[in-house]
Amino acid sequence: MWPSSGTLNAGQRVTVTLTAPQLDPLNTQLTLEPGDQPVTVLLAVG
């Protein structure tokens, strides 16, 4: 199991993969805080 949270140093990258057993309907959100500035990504299918 991968961690659900963590910290990256400047210049580091991360890839986030979302796997769902079904896509209809799918509603989820991912919140990132680059430079202590919250960014929320919303994903809705269906």
PDB file of N, CA and C in Angstrom:
ATOM      1  N   MET A   1       0.844  -1.179   0.000  1.00  0.00           N
ATOM      2  CA  MET A   1       0.000   0.000   0.000  1.00  0.00           C
ATOM      3  C   MET A   1       0.887   1.240   0.000  1.00  0.00           C
ATOM      4  N   TRP A   2       0.551   2.208  -0.811  1.00  0.00           N
ATOM      5  CA  TRP A   2       1.310   3.449  -0.908  1.00  0.00           C
ATOM      6  C   TRP A   2       0.837   4.429   0.141  1.00  0.00           C
ATOM      7  N   PRO A   3       1.662   5.362   0.537  1.00  0.00           N
ATOM      8  CA  PRO A   3       1.230   6.365   1.531  1.00  0.00           C
ATOM      9  C   PRO A   3       0.166   7.292   0.953  1.00  0.00           C
ATOM     10  N   SER A   4      -0.740   7.751   1.806  1.00  0.00           N
ATOM     11  CA  SER A   4      -1.783   8.673   1.363  1.00  0.00           C
ATOM     12  C   SER A   4      -1.370  10.126   1.551  1.00  0.00           C
ATOM     13  N   SER A   5      -0.217  10.345   2.173  1.00  0.00           N
ATOM     14  CA  SER A   5       0.289  11.704   2.332  1.00  0.00           C
ATOM     15  C   SER A   5       1.810  11.648   2.440  1.00  0.00           C
ATOM     16  N   GLY A   6       2.435  12.807   2.273  1.00  0.00           N
ATOM     17  CA  GLY A   6       3.886  12.858   2.366  1.00  0.00           C
ATOM     18  C   GLY A   6       4.388  14.233   1.972  1.00  0.00           C
ATOM     19  N   THR A   7       5.702  14.370   1.902  1.00  0.00           N
ATOM     20  CA  THR A   7       6.338  15.647   1.597  1.00  0.00           C
ATOM     21  C   THR A   7       7.361  15.449   0.491  1.00  0.00           C
ATOM     22  N   LEU A   8       7.396  16.416  -0.445  1.00  0.00           N
ATOM     23  CA  LEU A   8       8.395  16.412  -1.504  1.00  0.00           C
ATOM     24  C   LEU A   8       9.295  17.615  -1.328  1.00  0.00           C
ATOM     25  N   ASN A   9      10.560  17.452  -1.613  1.00  0.00           N
ATOM     26  CA  ASN A   9      11.490  18.572  -1.623  1.00  0.00           C
ATOM     27  C   ASN A   9      11.387  19.304  -2.953  1.00  0.00           C
ATOM     28  N   ALA A  10      11.887  20.520  -3.023  1.00  0.00           N
ATOM     29  CA  ALA A  10      11.876  21.307  -4.254  1.00  0.00           C
ATOM     30  C   ALA A  10      12.513  20.500  -5.384  1.00  0.00           C
ATOM     31  N   GLY A  11      11.851  20.472  -6.535  1.00  0.00           N
ATOM     32  CA  GLY A  11      12.363  19.760  -7.696  1.00  0.00           C
ATOM     33  C   GLY A  11      11.943  18.305  -7.785  1.00  0.00           C
ATOM     34  N   GLN A  12      11.397  17.750  -6.723  1.00  0.00           N
ATOM     35  CA  GLN A  12      10.945  16.363  -6.757  1.00  0.00           C
ATOM     36  C   GLN A  12       9.574  16.287  -7.413  1.00  0.00           C
ATOM     37  N   ARG A  13       9.211  15.095  -7.876  1.00  0.00           N
ATOM     38  CA  ARG A  13       7.934  14.869  -8.542  1.00  0.00           C
ATOM     39  C   ARG A  13       7.238  13.662  -7.947  1.00  0.00           C
ATOM     40  N   VAL A  14       5.950  13.605  -8.211  1.00  0.00           N
ATOM     41  CA  VAL A  14       5.173  12.439  -7.817  1.00  0.00           C
ATOM     42  C   VAL A  14       4.121  12.183  -8.890  1.00  0.00           C
ATOM     43  N   THR A  15       3.810  10.924  -9.110  1.00  0.00           N
ATOM     44  CA  THR A  15       2.729  10.538 -10.009  1.00  0.00           C
ATOM     45  C   THR A  15       1.619   9.936  -9.172  1.00  0.00           C
ATOM     46  N   VAL A  16       0.404  10.409  -9.385  1.00  0.00           N
ATOM     47  CA  VAL A  16      -0.756   9.901  -8.649  1.00  0.00           C
ATOM     48  C   VAL A  16      -1.614   9.111  -9.615  1.00  0.00           C
ATOM     49  N   THR A  17      -1.941   7.878  -9.251  1.00  0.00           N
ATOM     50  CA  THR A  17      -2.782   7.016 -10.072  1.00  0.00           C
ATOM     51  C   THR A  17      -4.042   6.680  -9.302  1.00  0.00           C
ATOM     52  N   LEU A  18      -5.180   6.870  -9.932  1.00  0.00           N
ATOM     53  CA  LEU A  18      -6.469   6.558  -9.332  1.00  0.00           C
ATOM     54  C   LEU A  18      -7.039   5.340 -10.033  1.00  0.00           C
ATOM     55  N   THR A  19      -7.368   4.312  -9.262  1.00  0.00           N
ATOM     56  CA  THR A  19      -7.969   3.106  -9.804  1.00  0.00           C
ATOM     57  C   THR A  19      -9.320   2.915  -9.139  1.00  0.00           C
ATOM     58  N   ALA A  20     -10.351   2.717  -9.957  1.00  0.00           N
ATOM     59  CA  ALA A  20     -11.702   2.551  -9.425  1.00  0.00           C
ATOM     60  C   ALA A  20     -12.316   1.288 -10.015  1.00  0.00           C
ATOM     61  N   PRO A  21     -13.082   0.533  -9.216  1.00  0.00           N
ATOM     62  CA  PRO A  21     -13.702  -0.694  -9.726  1.00  0.00           C
ATOM     63  C   PRO A  21     -14.766  -0.410 -10.781  1.00  0.00           C
ATOM     64  N   GLN A  22     -15.346   0.778 -10.741  1.00  0.00           N
ATOM     65  CA  GLN A  22     -16.316   1.188 -11.756  1.00  0.00           C
ATOM     66  C   GLN A  22     -16.231   2.698 -11.911  1.00  0.00           C
ATOM     67  N   LEU A  23     -16.604   3.207 -13.069  1.00  0.00           N
ATOM     68  CA  LEU A  23     -16.471   4.628 -13.321  1.00  0.00           C
ATOM     69  C   LEU A  23     -17.808   5.363 -13.339  1.00  0.00           C
ATOM     70  N   ASP A  24     -18.908   4.667 -13.172  1.00  0.00           N
ATOM     71  CA  ASP A  24     -20.203   5.329 -13.272  1.00  0.00           C
ATOM     72  C   ASP A  24     -21.029   5.042 -12.039  1.00  0.00           C
ATOM     73  N   PRO A  25     -21.273   5.927 -11.173  1.00  0.00           N
ATOM     74  CA  PRO A  25     -20.680   7.259 -11.079  1.00  0.00           C
ATOM     75  C   PRO A  25     -19.404   7.236 -10.243  1.00  0.00           C
ATOM     76  N   LEU A  26     -18.561   8.201 -10.464  1.00  0.00           N
ATOM     77  CA  LEU A  26     -17.329   8.356  -9.702  1.00  0.00           C
ATOM     78  C   LEU A  26     -17.169   9.826  -9.349  1.00  0.00           C
ATOM     79  N   ASN A  27     -17.049  10.119  -8.076  1.00  0.00           N
ATOM     80  CA  ASN A  27     -16.807  11.486  -7.600  1.00  0.00           C
ATOM     81  C   ASN A  27     -15.716  11.416  -6.547  1.00  0.00           C
ATOM     82  N   THR A  28     -14.621  12.124  -6.769  1.00  0.00           N
ATOM     83  CA  THR A  28     -13.533  12.116  -5.807  1.00  0.00           C
ATOM     84  C   THR A  28     -12.774  13.433  -5.887  1.00  0.00           C
ATOM     85  N   GLN A  29     -11.966  13.694  -4.881  1.00  0.00           N
ATOM     86  CA  GLN A  29     -11.135  14.891  -4.903  1.00  0.00           C
ATOM     87  C   GLN A  29      -9.766  14.584  -4.347  1.00  0.00           C
ATOM     88  N   LEU A  30      -8.790  15.337  -4.835  1.00  0.00           N
ATOM     89  CA  LEU A  30      -7.401  15.217  -4.413  1.00  0.00           C
ATOM     90  C   LEU A  30      -6.936  16.617  -4.052  1.00  0.00           C
ATOM     91  N   THR A  31      -6.402  16.780  -2.849  1.00  0.00           N
ATOM     92  CA  THR A  31      -5.935  18.099  -2.414  1.00  0.00           C
ATOM     93  C   THR A  31      -4.420  18.086  -2.296  1.00  0.00           C
ATOM     94  N   LEU A  32      -3.779  19.053  -2.942  1.00  0.00           N
ATOM     95  CA  LEU A  32      -2.328  19.219  -2.910  1.00  0.00           C
ATOM     96  C   LEU A  32      -2.025  20.565  -2.277  1.00  0.00           C
ATOM     97  N   GLU A  33      -0.851  20.703  -1.690  1.00  0.00           N
ATOM     98  CA  GLU A  33      -0.455  21.979  -1.096  1.00  0.00           C
ATOM     99  C   GLU A  33       0.963  22.344  -1.522  1.00  0.00           C
ATOM    100  N   PRO A  34       1.134  22.725  -2.802  1.00  0.00           N
ATOM    101  CA  PRO A  34       2.473  23.154  -3.220  1.00  0.00           C
ATOM    102  C   PRO A  34       2.786  24.531  -2.644  1.00  0.00           C
ATOM    103  N   GLY A  35       3.869  24.633  -1.906  1.00  0.00           N
ATOM    104  CA  GLY A  35       4.234  25.918  -1.312  1.00  0.00           C
ATOM    105  C   GLY A  35       3.200  26.429  -0.330  1.00  0.00           C
ATOM    106  N   ASP A  36       2.567  25.527   0.413  1.00  0.00           N
ATOM    107  CA  ASP A  36       1.532  25.863   1.400  1.00  0.00           C
ATOM    108  C   ASP A  36       0.334  26.567   0.777  1.00  0.00           C
ATOM    109  N   GLN A  37       0.105  26.360  -0.525  1.00  0.00           N
ATOM    110  CA  GLN A  37      -1.048  26.931  -1.229  1.00  0.00           C
ATOM    111  C   GLN A  37      -1.953  25.775  -1.638  1.00  0.00           C
ATOM    112  N   PRO A  38      -3.098  25.589  -0.970  1.00  0.00           N
ATOM    113  CA  PRO A  38      -3.960  24.443  -1.290  1.00  0.00           C
ATOM    114  C   PRO A  38      -4.504  24.495  -2.720  1.00  0.00           C
ATOM    115  N   VAL A  39      -4.441  23.359  -3.401  1.00  0.00           N
ATOM    116  CA  VAL A  39      -5.013  23.184  -4.736  1.00  0.00           C
ATOM    117  C   VAL A  39      -5.847  21.913  -4.679  1.00  0.00           C
ATOM    118  N   THR A  40      -7.127  22.001  -5.026  1.00  0.00           N
ATOM    119  CA  THR A  40      -8.001  20.825  -5.010  1.00  0.00           C
ATOM    120  C   THR A  40      -8.369  20.449  -6.436  1.00  0.00           C
ATOM    121  N   VAL A  41      -8.175  19.164  -6.771  1.00  0.00           N
ATOM    122  CA  VAL A  41      -8.529  18.635  -8.076  1.00  0.00           C
ATOM    123  C   VAL A  41      -9.782  17.791  -7.867  1.00  0.00           C
ATOM    124  N   LEU A  42     -10.852  18.112  -8.585  1.00  0.00           N
ATOM    125  CA  LEU A  42     -12.110  17.369  -8.499  1.00  0.00           C
ATOM    126  C   LEU A  42     -12.254  16.503  -9.742  1.00  0.00           C
ATOM    127  N   LEU A  43     -12.683  15.257  -9.550  1.00  0.00           N
ATOM    128  CA  LEU A  43     -12.909  14.347 -10.666  1.00  0.00           C
ATOM    129  C   LEU A  43     -14.306  13.793 -10.536  1.00  0.00           C
ATOM    130  N   ALA A  44     -15.117  13.988 -11.560  1.00  0.00           N
ATOM    131  CA  ALA A  44     -16.479  13.469 -11.568  1.00  0.00           C
ATOM    132  C   ALA A  44     -16.746  12.831 -12.923  1.00  0.00           C
ATOM    133  N   VAL A  45     -17.187  11.585 -12.908  1.00  0.00           N
ATOM    134  CA  VAL A  45     -17.529  10.859 -14.123  1.00  0.00           C
ATOM    135  C   VAL A  45     -18.926  10.295 -13.925  1.00  0.00           C
ATOM    136  N   GLY A  46     -19.744  10.396 -14.919  1.00  0.00           N
ATOM    137  CA  GLY A  46     -21.078   9.800 -14.835  1.00  0.00           C
ATOM    138  C   GLY A  46     -22.088  10.828 -14.780  1.00  0.00           C
TER     139      GLY A  46
END
